[in-house]
Amino acid sequence: VRQRFDEKLIREKNGHLARDVLDLAISRKNDRTWADSLDSSERFRLTPMDFGLDVLTAEQRERRMREVEAEVTQLVGWGSEEDAGSARHFFAQLRRQLGGT
C-alpha cells in the first residue's frame, strides 16, 4: 500500500529537520570556539565538522598525519628516520625491506 503525503506537510517536516541540524551545528561551533577572542572570524564560520561531517581533504589528512607523527615521535622518543641508531630508522628500514617502498 502506497501512501501519499501532502507536499506542504513534507516541506514543513524538512524545514523543521533543517532547522534542527543548523541549531546542532551552531551549538557545536559555539563549543569549539568559545575560548576564541570575540573578533575572531572563526567564531562566525561553520565547518563540515560542526554538522557532524568529519571529512578531511587529502591535504588536511596528510598534514594531520604529519602533526600526529611528529607529536608521537616527540613523546615516545623514537627519533627520526634519518637517525641511524633510532628505533624509527630501524622500523623504516624494515618497512622498506619487507614492503619494497
PDB file of N, CA and C in Angstrom:
ATOM      1  N   VAL A   1       0.860  -1.167   0.000  1.00  0.00           N
ATOM      2  CA  VAL A   1       0.000   0.000   0.000  1.00  0.00           C
ATOM      3  C   VAL A   1       0.899   1.221   0.000  1.00  0.00           C
ATOM      4  N   ARG A   2       0.649   2.063  -0.930  1.00  0.00           N
ATOM      5  CA  ARG A   2       1.457   3.268  -1.061  1.00  0.00           C
ATOM      6  C   ARG A   2       0.689   4.453  -0.501  1.00  0.00           C
ATOM      7  N   GLN A   3       1.330   5.161   0.410  1.00  0.00           N
ATOM      8  CA  GLN A   3       0.689   6.328   0.990  1.00  0.00           C
ATOM      9  C   GLN A   3       1.206   7.588   0.289  1.00  0.00           C
ATOM     10  N   ARG A   4       0.312   8.526   0.135  1.00  0.00           N
ATOM     11  CA  ARG A   4       0.711   9.814  -0.431  1.00  0.00           C
ATOM     12  C   ARG A   4       0.657  10.849   0.680  1.00  0.00           C
ATOM     13  N   PHE A   5       1.719  11.592   0.781  1.00  0.00           N
ATOM     14  CA  PHE A   5       1.775  12.647   1.779  1.00  0.00           C
ATOM     15  C   PHE A   5       1.587  13.986   1.103  1.00  0.00           C
ATOM     16  N   ASP A   6       0.999  14.855   1.804  1.00  0.00           N
ATOM     17  CA  ASP A   6       0.780  16.207   1.329  1.00  0.00           C
ATOM     18  C   ASP A   6       2.139  16.892   1.160  1.00  0.00           C
ATOM     19  N   GLU A   7       2.376  17.507   0.006  1.00  0.00           N
ATOM     20  CA  GLU A   7       3.646  18.192  -0.266  1.00  0.00           C
ATOM     21  C   GLU A   7       3.924  19.279   0.764  1.00  0.00           C
ATOM     22  N   LYS A   8       2.892  19.976   1.210  1.00  0.00           N
ATOM     23  CA  LYS A   8       3.067  21.024   2.202  1.00  0.00           C
ATOM     24  C   LYS A   8       3.583  20.436   3.518  1.00  0.00           C
ATOM     25  N   LEU A   9       3.055  19.272   3.917  1.00  0.00           N
ATOM     26  CA  LEU A   9       3.493  18.605   5.136  1.00  0.00           C
ATOM     27  C   LEU A   9       4.956  18.161   5.008  1.00  0.00           C
ATOM     28  N   ILE A  10       5.325  17.631   3.858  1.00  0.00           N
ATOM     29  CA  ILE A  10       6.706  17.190   3.628  1.00  0.00           C
ATOM     30  C   ILE A  10       7.659  18.375   3.717  1.00  0.00           C
ATOM     31  N   ARG A  11       7.319  19.491   3.067  1.00  0.00           N
ATOM     32  CA  ARG A  11       8.164  20.686   3.124  1.00  0.00           C
ATOM     33  C   ARG A  11       8.290  21.198   4.551  1.00  0.00           C
ATOM     34  N   GLU A  12       7.201  21.154   5.305  1.00  0.00           N
ATOM     35  CA  GLU A  12       7.226  21.612   6.694  1.00  0.00           C
ATOM     36  C   GLU A  12       8.150  20.734   7.536  1.00  0.00           C
ATOM     37  N   LYS A  13       8.035  19.414   7.388  1.00  0.00           N
ATOM     38  CA  LYS A  13       8.879  18.488   8.154  1.00  0.00           C
ATOM     39  C   LYS A  13      10.344  18.650   7.761  1.00  0.00           C
ATOM     40  N   ASN A  14      10.630  18.815   6.472  1.00  0.00           N
ATOM     41  CA  ASN A  14      12.002  19.027   6.021  1.00  0.00           C
ATOM     42  C   ASN A  14      12.556  20.337   6.576  1.00  0.00           C
ATOM     43  N   GLY A  15      11.709  21.353   6.645  1.00  0.00           N
ATOM     44  CA  GLY A  15      12.119  22.631   7.218  1.00  0.00           C
ATOM     45  C   GLY A  15      12.478  22.507   8.687  1.00  0.00           C
ATOM     46  N   HIS A  16      11.657  21.737   9.436  1.00  0.00           N
ATOM     47  CA  HIS A  16      11.957  21.513  10.850  1.00  0.00           C
ATOM     48  C   HIS A  16      13.276  20.751  11.008  1.00  0.00           C
ATOM     49  N   LEU A  17      13.493  19.746  10.183  1.00  0.00           N
ATOM     50  CA  LEU A  17      14.721  18.959  10.241  1.00  0.00           C
ATOM     51  C   LEU A  17      15.930  19.837   9.931  1.00  0.00           C
ATOM     52  N   ALA A  18      15.824  20.673   8.908  1.00  0.00           N
ATOM     53  CA  ALA A  18      16.929  21.558   8.541  1.00  0.00           C
ATOM     54  C   ALA A  18      17.245  22.528   9.681  1.00  0.00           C
ATOM     55  N   ARG A  19      16.222  23.068  10.335  1.00  0.00           N
ATOM     56  CA  ARG A  19      16.451  23.977  11.467  1.00  0.00           C
ATOM     57  C   ARG A  19      17.136  23.238  12.625  1.00  0.00           C
ATOM     58  N   ASP A  20      16.733  21.998  12.886  1.00  0.00           N
ATOM     59  CA  ASP A  20      17.353  21.214  13.958  1.00  0.00           C
ATOM     60  C   ASP A  20      18.833  20.946  13.658  1.00  0.00           C
ATOM     61  N   VAL A  21      19.133  20.590  12.411  1.00  0.00           N
ATOM     62  CA  VAL A  21      20.521  20.333  12.018  1.00  0.00           C
ATOM     63  C   VAL A  21      21.346  21.601  12.150  1.00  0.00           C
ATOM     64  N   LEU A  22      20.803  22.729  11.724  1.00  0.00           N
ATOM     65  CA  LEU A  22      21.523  24.000  11.835  1.00  0.00           C
ATOM     66  C   LEU A  22      21.728  24.391  13.299  1.00  0.00           C
ATOM     67  N   ASP A  23      20.711  24.207  14.130  1.00  0.00           N
ATOM     68  CA  ASP A  23      20.862  24.504  15.560  1.00  0.00           C
ATOM     69  C   ASP A  23      21.971  23.656  16.189  1.00  0.00           C
ATOM     70  N   LEU A  24      22.017  22.372  15.829  1.00  0.00           N
ATOM     71  CA  LEU A  24      23.056  21.492  16.354  1.00  0.00           C
ATOM     72  C   LEU A  24      24.434  21.947  15.880  1.00  0.00           C
ATOM     73  N   ALA A  25      24.554  22.324  14.608  1.00  0.00           N
ATOM     74  CA  ALA A  25      25.837  22.778  14.068  1.00  0.00           C
ATOM     75  C   ALA A  25      26.290  24.050  14.774  1.00  0.00           C
ATOM     76  N   ILE A  26      25.378  24.969  15.023  1.00  0.00           N
ATOM     77  CA  ILE A  26      25.736  26.212  15.715  1.00  0.00           C
ATOM     78  C   ILE A  26      26.175  25.904  17.140  1.00  0.00           C
ATOM     79  N   SER A  27      25.501  24.981  17.812  1.00  0.00           N
ATOM     80  CA  SER A  27      25.910  24.593  19.163  1.00  0.00           C
ATOM     81  C   SER A  27      27.310  23.996  19.161  1.00  0.00           C
ATOM     82  N   ARG A  28      27.606  23.137  18.191  1.00  0.00           N
ATOM     83  CA  ARG A  28      28.945  22.547  18.095  1.00  0.00           C
ATOM     84  C   ARG A  28      29.991  23.610  17.812  1.00  0.00           C
ATOM     85  N   LYS A  29      29.648  24.569  16.931  1.00  0.00           N
ATOM     86  CA  LYS A  29      30.579  25.656  16.630  1.00  0.00           C
ATOM     87  C   LYS A  29      30.847  26.479  17.879  1.00  0.00           C
ATOM     88  N   ASN A  30      29.804  26.759  18.649  1.00  0.00           N
ATOM     89  CA  ASN A  30      29.975  27.523  19.884  1.00  0.00           C
ATOM     90  C   ASN A  30      30.849  26.767  20.881  1.00  0.00           C
ATOM     91  N   ASP A  31      30.657  25.450  20.970  1.00  0.00           N
ATOM     92  CA  ASP A  31      31.501  24.640  21.857  1.00  0.00           C
ATOM     93  C   ASP A  31      32.957  24.665  21.403  1.00  0.00           C
ATOM     94  N   ARG A  32      33.158  24.693  20.089  1.00  0.00           N
ATOM     95  CA  ARG A  32      34.511  24.664  19.523  1.00  0.00           C
ATOM     96  C   ARG A  32      35.213  26.009  19.667  1.00  0.00           C
ATOM     97  N   THR A  33      34.470  27.101  19.619  1.00  0.00           N
ATOM     98  CA  THR A  33      35.103  28.429  19.540  1.00  0.00           C
ATOM     99  C   THR A  33      34.869  29.291  20.773  1.00  0.00           C
ATOM    100  N   TRP A  34      34.353  28.740  21.848  1.00  0.00           N
ATOM    101  CA  TRP A  34      34.001  29.571  22.996  1.00  0.00           C
ATOM    102  C   TRP A  34      35.210  30.297  23.571  1.00  0.00           C
ATOM    103  N   ALA A  35      36.395  29.733  23.456  1.00  0.00           N
ATOM    104  CA  ALA A  35      37.584  30.363  24.038  1.00  0.00           C
ATOM    105  C   ALA A  35      38.251  31.346  23.079  1.00  0.00           C
ATOM    106  N   ASP A  36      37.828  31.397  21.832  1.00  0.00           N
ATOM    107  CA  ASP A  36      38.420  32.334  20.869  1.00  0.00           C
ATOM    108  C   ASP A  36      38.050  33.760  21.229  1.00  0.00           C
ATOM    109  N   SER A  37      38.869  34.690  20.746  1.00  0.00           N
ATOM    110  CA  SER A  37      38.564  36.095  21.005  1.00  0.00           C
ATOM    111  C   SER A  37      37.291  36.498  20.262  1.00  0.00           C
ATOM    112  N   LEU A  38      36.640  37.527  20.759  1.00  0.00           N
ATOM    113  CA  LEU A  38      35.348  37.939  20.190  1.00  0.00           C
ATOM    114  C   LEU A  38      35.460  38.416  18.748  1.00  0.00           C
ATOM    115  N   ASP A  39      36.623  38.922  18.356  1.00  0.00           N
ATOM    116  CA  ASP A  39      36.769  39.409  16.984  1.00  0.00           C
ATOM    117  C   ASP A  39      37.315  38.344  16.032  1.00  0.00           C
ATOM    118  N   SER A  40      37.433  37.110  16.501  1.00  0.00           N
ATOM    119  CA  SER A  40      37.934  36.013  15.674  1.00  0.00           C
ATOM    120  C   SER A  40      36.916  35.666  14.582  1.00  0.00           C
ATOM    121  N   SER A  41      37.396  35.573  13.354  1.00  0.00           N
ATOM    122  CA  SER A  41      36.492  35.198  12.258  1.00  0.00           C
ATOM    123  C   SER A  41      36.027  33.751  12.382  1.00  0.00           C
ATOM    124  N   GLU A  42      36.780  32.940  13.107  1.00  0.00           N
ATOM    125  CA  GLU A  42      36.419  31.528  13.293  1.00  0.00           C
ATOM    126  C   GLU A  42      35.110  31.392  14.072  1.00  0.00           C
ATOM    127  N   ARG A  43      34.797  32.374  14.914  1.00  0.00           N
ATOM    128  CA  ARG A  43      33.556  32.331  15.699  1.00  0.00           C
ATOM    129  C   ARG A  43      32.317  32.425  14.810  1.00  0.00           C
ATOM    130  N   PHE A  44      32.482  32.904  13.576  1.00  0.00           N
ATOM    131  CA  PHE A  44      31.341  33.095  12.674  1.00  0.00           C
ATOM    132  C   PHE A  44      31.332  32.089  11.531  1.00  0.00           C
ATOM    133  N   ARG A  45      32.267  31.144  11.529  1.00  0.00           N
ATOM    134  CA  ARG A  45      32.395  30.199  10.419  1.00  0.00           C
ATOM    135  C   ARG A  45      31.952  28.816  10.861  1.00  0.00           C
ATOM    136  N   LEU A  46      31.024  28.237  10.116  1.00  0.00           N
ATOM    137  CA  LEU A  46      30.620  26.849  10.349  1.00  0.00           C
ATOM    138  C   LEU A  46      31.476  25.948   9.475  1.00  0.00           C
ATOM    139  N   THR A  47      31.894  24.832  10.026  1.00  0.00           N
ATOM    140  CA  THR A  47      32.693  23.879   9.266  1.00  0.00           C
ATOM    141  C   THR A  47      31.884  22.597   9.067  1.00  0.00           C
ATOM    142  N   PRO A  48      32.277  21.757   8.121  1.00  0.00           N
ATOM    143  CA  PRO A  48      31.582  20.471   7.959  1.00  0.00           C
ATOM    144  C   PRO A  48      31.575  19.651   9.251  1.00  0.00           C
ATOM    145  N   MET A  49      32.633  19.802  10.069  1.00  0.00           N
ATOM    146  CA  MET A  49      32.707  19.080  11.329  1.00  0.00           C
ATOM    147  C   MET A  49      31.575  19.508  12.270  1.00  0.00           C
ATOM    148  N   ASP A  50      31.180  20.773  12.203  1.00  0.00           N
ATOM    149  CA  ASP A  50      30.078  21.244  13.044  1.00  0.00           C
ATOM    150  C   ASP A  50      28.773  20.538  12.691  1.00  0.00           C
ATOM    151  N   PHE A  51      28.647  20.120  11.453  1.00  0.00           N
ATOM    152  CA  PHE A  51      27.443  19.414  11.001  1.00  0.00           C
ATOM    153  C   PHE A  51      27.569  17.904  11.189  1.00  0.00           C
ATOM    154  N   GLY A  52      28.662  17.465  11.821  1.00  0.00           N
ATOM    155  CA  GLY A  52      28.871  16.037  12.031  1.00  0.00           C
ATOM    156  C   GLY A  52      29.527  15.362  10.849  1.00  0.00           C
ATOM    157  N   LEU A  53      30.037  16.151   9.928  1.00  0.00           N
ATOM    158  CA  LEU A  53      30.708  15.602   8.742  1.00  0.00           C
ATOM    159  C   LEU A  53      32.207  15.754   8.942  1.00  0.00           C
ATOM    160  N   ASP A  54      32.822  14.781   9.562  1.00  0.00           N
ATOM    161  CA  ASP A  54      34.246  14.840   9.867  1.00  0.00           C
ATOM    162  C   ASP A  54      35.062  14.388   8.663  1.00  0.00           C
ATOM    163  N   VAL A  55      34.888  15.086   7.568  1.00  0.00           N
ATOM    164  CA  VAL A  55      35.546  14.731   6.326  1.00  0.00           C
ATOM    165  C   VAL A  55      36.708  15.692   6.101  1.00  0.00           C
ATOM    166  N   LEU A  56      37.898  15.147   5.944  1.00  0.00           N
ATOM    167  CA  LEU A  56      39.077  15.960   5.676  1.00  0.00           C
ATOM    168  C   LEU A  56      39.474  15.817   4.220  1.00  0.00           C
ATOM    169  N   THR A  57      40.014  16.876   3.670  1.00  0.00           N
ATOM    170  CA  THR A  57      40.580  16.771   2.331  1.00  0.00           C
ATOM    171  C   THR A  57      41.856  15.952   2.439  1.00  0.00           C
ATOM    172  N   ALA A  58      42.368  15.489   1.321  1.00  0.00           N
ATOM    173  CA  ALA A  58      43.595  14.695   1.330  1.00  0.00           C
ATOM    174  C   ALA A  58      44.743  15.502   1.919  1.00  0.00           C
ATOM    175  N   GLU A  59      44.802  16.790   1.589  1.00  0.00           N
ATOM    176  CA  GLU A  59      45.862  17.652   2.108  1.00  0.00           C
ATOM    177  C   GLU A  59      45.742  17.812   3.626  1.00  0.00           C
ATOM    178  N   GLN A  60      44.519  18.025   4.129  1.00  0.00           N
ATOM    179  CA  GLN A  60      44.308  18.155   5.572  1.00  0.00           C
ATOM    180  C   GLN A  60      44.648  16.861   6.294  1.00  0.00           C
ATOM    181  N   ARG A  61      44.269  15.738   5.705  1.00  0.00           N
ATOM    182  CA  ARG A  61      44.549  14.437   6.305  1.00  0.00           C
ATOM    183  C   ARG A  61      46.059  14.191   6.379  1.00  0.00           C
ATOM    184  N   GLU A  62      46.763  14.507   5.294  1.00  0.00           N
ATOM    185  CA  GLU A  62      48.217  14.329   5.256  1.00  0.00           C
ATOM    186  C   GLU A  62      48.905  15.229   6.283  1.00  0.00           C
ATOM    187  N   ARG A  63      48.463  16.493   6.359  1.00  0.00           N
ATOM    188  CA  ARG A  63      49.042  17.433   7.326  1.00  0.00           C
ATOM    189  C   ARG A  63      48.791  16.949   8.758  1.00  0.00           C
ATOM    190  N   ARG A  64      47.582  16.466   9.017  1.00  0.00           N
ATOM    191  CA  ARG A  64      47.253  15.976  10.354  1.00  0.00           C
ATOM    192  C   ARG A  64      48.079  14.746  10.703  1.00  0.00           C
ATOM    193  N   MET A  65      48.289  13.862   9.741  1.00  0.00           N
ATOM    194  CA  MET A  65      49.109  12.678   9.990  1.00  0.00           C
ATOM    195  C   MET A  65      50.545  13.073  10.322  1.00  0.00           C
ATOM    196  N   ARG A  66      51.096  14.069   9.615  1.00  0.00           N
ATOM    197  CA  ARG A  66      52.449  14.546   9.917  1.00  0.00           C
ATOM    198  C   ARG A  66      52.512  15.149  11.320  1.00  0.00           C
ATOM    199  N   GLU A  67      51.474  15.923  11.696  1.00  0.00           N
ATOM    200  CA  GLU A  67      51.432  16.517  13.034  1.00  0.00           C
ATOM    201  C   GLU A  67      51.388  15.437  14.113  1.00  0.00           C
ATOM    202  N   VAL A  68      50.547  14.435  13.904  1.00  0.00           N
ATOM    203  CA  VAL A  68      50.422  13.349  14.884  1.00  0.00           C
ATOM    204  C   VAL A  68      51.725  12.567  14.966  1.00  0.00           C
ATOM    205  N   GLU A  69      52.332  12.282  13.823  1.00  0.00           N
ATOM    206  CA  GLU A  69      53.587  11.537  13.810  1.00  0.00           C
ATOM    207  C   GLU A  69      54.686  12.306  14.538  1.00  0.00           C
ATOM    208  N   ALA A  70      54.757  13.619  14.316  1.00  0.00           N
ATOM    209  CA  ALA A  70      55.763  14.437  14.993  1.00  0.00           C
ATOM    210  C   ALA A  70      55.519  14.450  16.501  1.00  0.00           C
ATOM    211  N   GLU A  71      54.252  14.550  16.901  1.00  0.00           N
ATOM    212  CA  GLU A  71      53.932  14.563  18.327  1.00  0.00           C
ATOM    213  C   GLU A  71      54.249  13.223  18.983  1.00  0.00           C
ATOM    214  N   VAL A  72      53.909  12.126  18.318  1.00  0.00           N
ATOM    215  CA  VAL A  72      54.203  10.797  18.858  1.00  0.00           C
ATOM    216  C   VAL A  72      55.703  10.599  18.959  1.00  0.00           C
ATOM    217  N   THR A  73      56.430  11.020  17.932  1.00  0.00           N
ATOM    218  CA  THR A  73      57.882  10.894  17.946  1.00  0.00           C
ATOM    219  C   THR A  73      58.478  11.657  19.110  1.00  0.00           C
ATOM    220  N   GLN A  74      57.968  12.853  19.346  1.00  0.00           N
ATOM    221  CA  GLN A  74      58.469  13.662  20.447  1.00  0.00           C
ATOM    222  C   GLN A  74      58.141  13.017  21.795  1.00  0.00           C
ATOM    223  N   LEU A  75      56.934  12.509  21.949  1.00  0.00           N
ATOM    224  CA  LEU A  75      56.525  11.928  23.220  1.00  0.00           C
ATOM    225  C   LEU A  75      57.220  10.599  23.510  1.00  0.00           C
ATOM    226  N   VAL A  76      57.347   9.778  22.480  1.00  0.00           N
ATOM    227  CA  VAL A  76      57.891   8.445  22.665  1.00  0.00           C
ATOM    228  C   VAL A  76      59.412   8.453  22.634  1.00  0.00           C
ATOM    229  N   GLY A  77      59.985   9.415  21.920  1.00  0.00           N
ATOM    230  CA  GLY A  77      61.435   9.497  21.830  1.00  0.00           C
ATOM    231  C   GLY A  77      62.031   8.505  20.858  1.00  0.00           C
ATOM    232  N   TRP A  78      61.326   8.215  19.790  1.00  0.00           N
ATOM    233  CA  TRP A  78      61.822   7.252  18.806  1.00  0.00           C
ATOM    234  C   TRP A  78      62.861   7.833  17.871  1.00  0.00           C
ATOM    235  N   GLY A  79      63.003   9.136  17.845  1.00  0.00           N
ATOM    236  CA  GLY A  79      63.932   9.755  16.914  1.00  0.00           C
ATOM    237  C   GLY A  79      63.313   9.866  15.538  1.00  0.00           C
ATOM    238  N   SER A  80      64.151  10.159  14.550  1.00  0.00           N
ATOM    239  CA  SER A  80      63.653  10.301  13.183  1.00  0.00           C
ATOM    240  C   SER A  80      64.223   9.196  12.306  1.00  0.00           C
ATOM    241  N   GLU A  81      63.703   9.103  11.095  1.00  0.00           N
ATOM    242  CA  GLU A  81      64.175   8.060  10.183  1.00  0.00           C
ATOM    243  C   GLU A  81      65.627   8.278   9.784  1.00  0.00           C
ATOM    244  N   GLU A  82      66.090   9.518   9.866  1.00  0.00           N
ATOM    245  CA  GLU A  82      67.462   9.836   9.477  1.00  0.00           C
ATOM    246  C   GLU A  82      68.474   9.465  10.559  1.00  0.00           C
ATOM    247  N   ASP A  83      68.041   9.338  11.815  1.00  0.00           N
ATOM    248  CA  ASP A  83      68.942   8.982  12.918  1.00  0.00           C
ATOM    249  C   ASP A  83      69.216   7.490  12.865  1.00  0.00           C
ATOM    250  N   ALA A  84      70.448   7.133  12.473  1.00  0.00           N
ATOM    251  CA  ALA A  84      70.784   5.726  12.211  1.00  0.00           C
ATOM    252  C   ALA A  84      70.606   4.828  13.432  1.00  0.00           C
ATOM    253  N   GLY A  85      70.752   5.335  14.624  1.00  0.00           N
ATOM    254  CA  GLY A  85      70.636   4.492  15.801  1.00  0.00           C
ATOM    255  C   GLY A  85      69.253   4.480  16.433  1.00  0.00           C
ATOM    256  N   SER A  86      68.289   5.150  15.803  1.00  0.00           N
ATOM    257  CA  SER A  86      66.967   5.277  16.419  1.00  0.00           C
ATOM    258  C   SER A  86      66.040   4.123  16.025  1.00  0.00           C
ATOM    259  N   ALA A  87      65.034   3.921  16.855  1.00  0.00           N
ATOM    260  CA  ALA A  87      64.040   2.880  16.567  1.00  0.00           C
ATOM    261  C   ALA A  87      63.269   3.202  15.284  1.00  0.00           C
ATOM    262  N   ARG A  88      62.978   4.483  15.043  1.00  0.00           N
ATOM    263  CA  ARG A  88      62.247   4.871  13.838  1.00  0.00           C
ATOM    264  C   ARG A  88      63.048   4.512  12.586  1.00  0.00           C
ATOM    265  N   HIS A  89      64.362   4.714  12.626  1.00  0.00           N
ATOM    266  CA  HIS A  89      65.215   4.359  11.489  1.00  0.00           C
ATOM    267  C   HIS A  89      65.163   2.850  11.254  1.00  0.00           C
ATOM    268  N   PHE A  90      65.254   2.081  12.341  1.00  0.00           N
ATOM    269  CA  PHE A  90      65.199   0.629  12.234  1.00  0.00           C
ATOM    270  C   PHE A  90      63.904   0.163  11.581  1.00  0.00           C
ATOM    271  N   PHE A  91      62.766   0.680  12.069  1.00  0.00           N
ATOM    272  CA  PHE A  91      61.475   0.247  11.531  1.00  0.00           C
ATOM    273  C   PHE A  91      61.254   0.755  10.105  1.00  0.00           C
ATOM    274  N   ALA A  92      61.791   1.920   9.782  1.00  0.00           N
ATOM    275  CA  ALA A  92      61.680   2.419   8.406  1.00  0.00           C
ATOM    276  C   ALA A  92      62.458   1.511   7.459  1.00  0.00           C
ATOM    277  N   GLN A  93      63.645   1.100   7.886  1.00  0.00           N
ATOM    278  CA  GLN A  93      64.442   0.181   7.065  1.00  0.00           C
ATOM    279  C   GLN A  93      63.733  -1.163   6.904  1.00  0.00           C
ATOM    280  N   LEU A  94      63.165  -1.646   8.007  1.00  0.00           N
ATOM    281  CA  LEU A  94      62.436  -2.907   7.965  1.00  0.00           C
ATOM    282  C   LEU A  94      61.230  -2.813   7.036  1.00  0.00           C
ATOM    283  N   ARG A  95      60.507  -1.707   7.119  1.00  0.00           N
ATOM    284  CA  ARG A  95      59.337  -1.491   6.254  1.00  0.00           C
ATOM    285  C   ARG A  95      59.759  -1.479   4.789  1.00  0.00           C
ATOM    286  N   ARG A  96      60.862  -0.810   4.492  1.00  0.00           N
ATOM    287  CA  ARG A  96      61.356  -0.753   3.101  1.00  0.00           C
ATOM    288  C   ARG A  96      61.725  -2.145   2.599  1.00  0.00           C
ATOM    289  N   GLN A  97      62.383  -2.915   3.454  1.00  0.00           N
ATOM    290  CA  GLN A  97      62.820  -4.247   3.049  1.00  0.00           C
ATOM    291  C   GLN A  97      61.647  -5.201   2.842  1.00  0.00           C
ATOM    292  N   LEU A  98      60.659  -5.115   3.718  1.00  0.00           N
ATOM    293  CA  LEU A  98      59.524  -6.034   3.618  1.00  0.00           C
ATOM    294  C   LEU A  98      58.474  -5.575   2.620  1.00  0.00           C
ATOM    295  N   GLY A  99      58.273  -4.280   2.557  1.00  0.00           N
ATOM    296  CA  GLY A  99      57.226  -3.744   1.690  1.00  0.00           C
ATOM    297  C   GLY A  99      57.712  -3.305   0.336  1.00  0.00           C
ATOM    298  N   GLY A 100      59.007  -3.106   0.222  1.00  0.00           N
ATOM    299  CA  GLY A 100      59.551  -2.693  -1.060  1.00  0.00           C
ATOM    300  C   GLY A 100      59.316  -1.214  -1.360  1.00  0.00           C
ATOM    301  N   THR A 101      58.863  -0.411  -0.345  1.00  0.00           N
ATOM    302  CA  THR A 101      58.646   1.008  -0.596  1.00  0.00           C
ATOM    303  C   THR A 101      59.631   1.846   0.189  1.00  0.00           C
TER     304      THR A 101
END
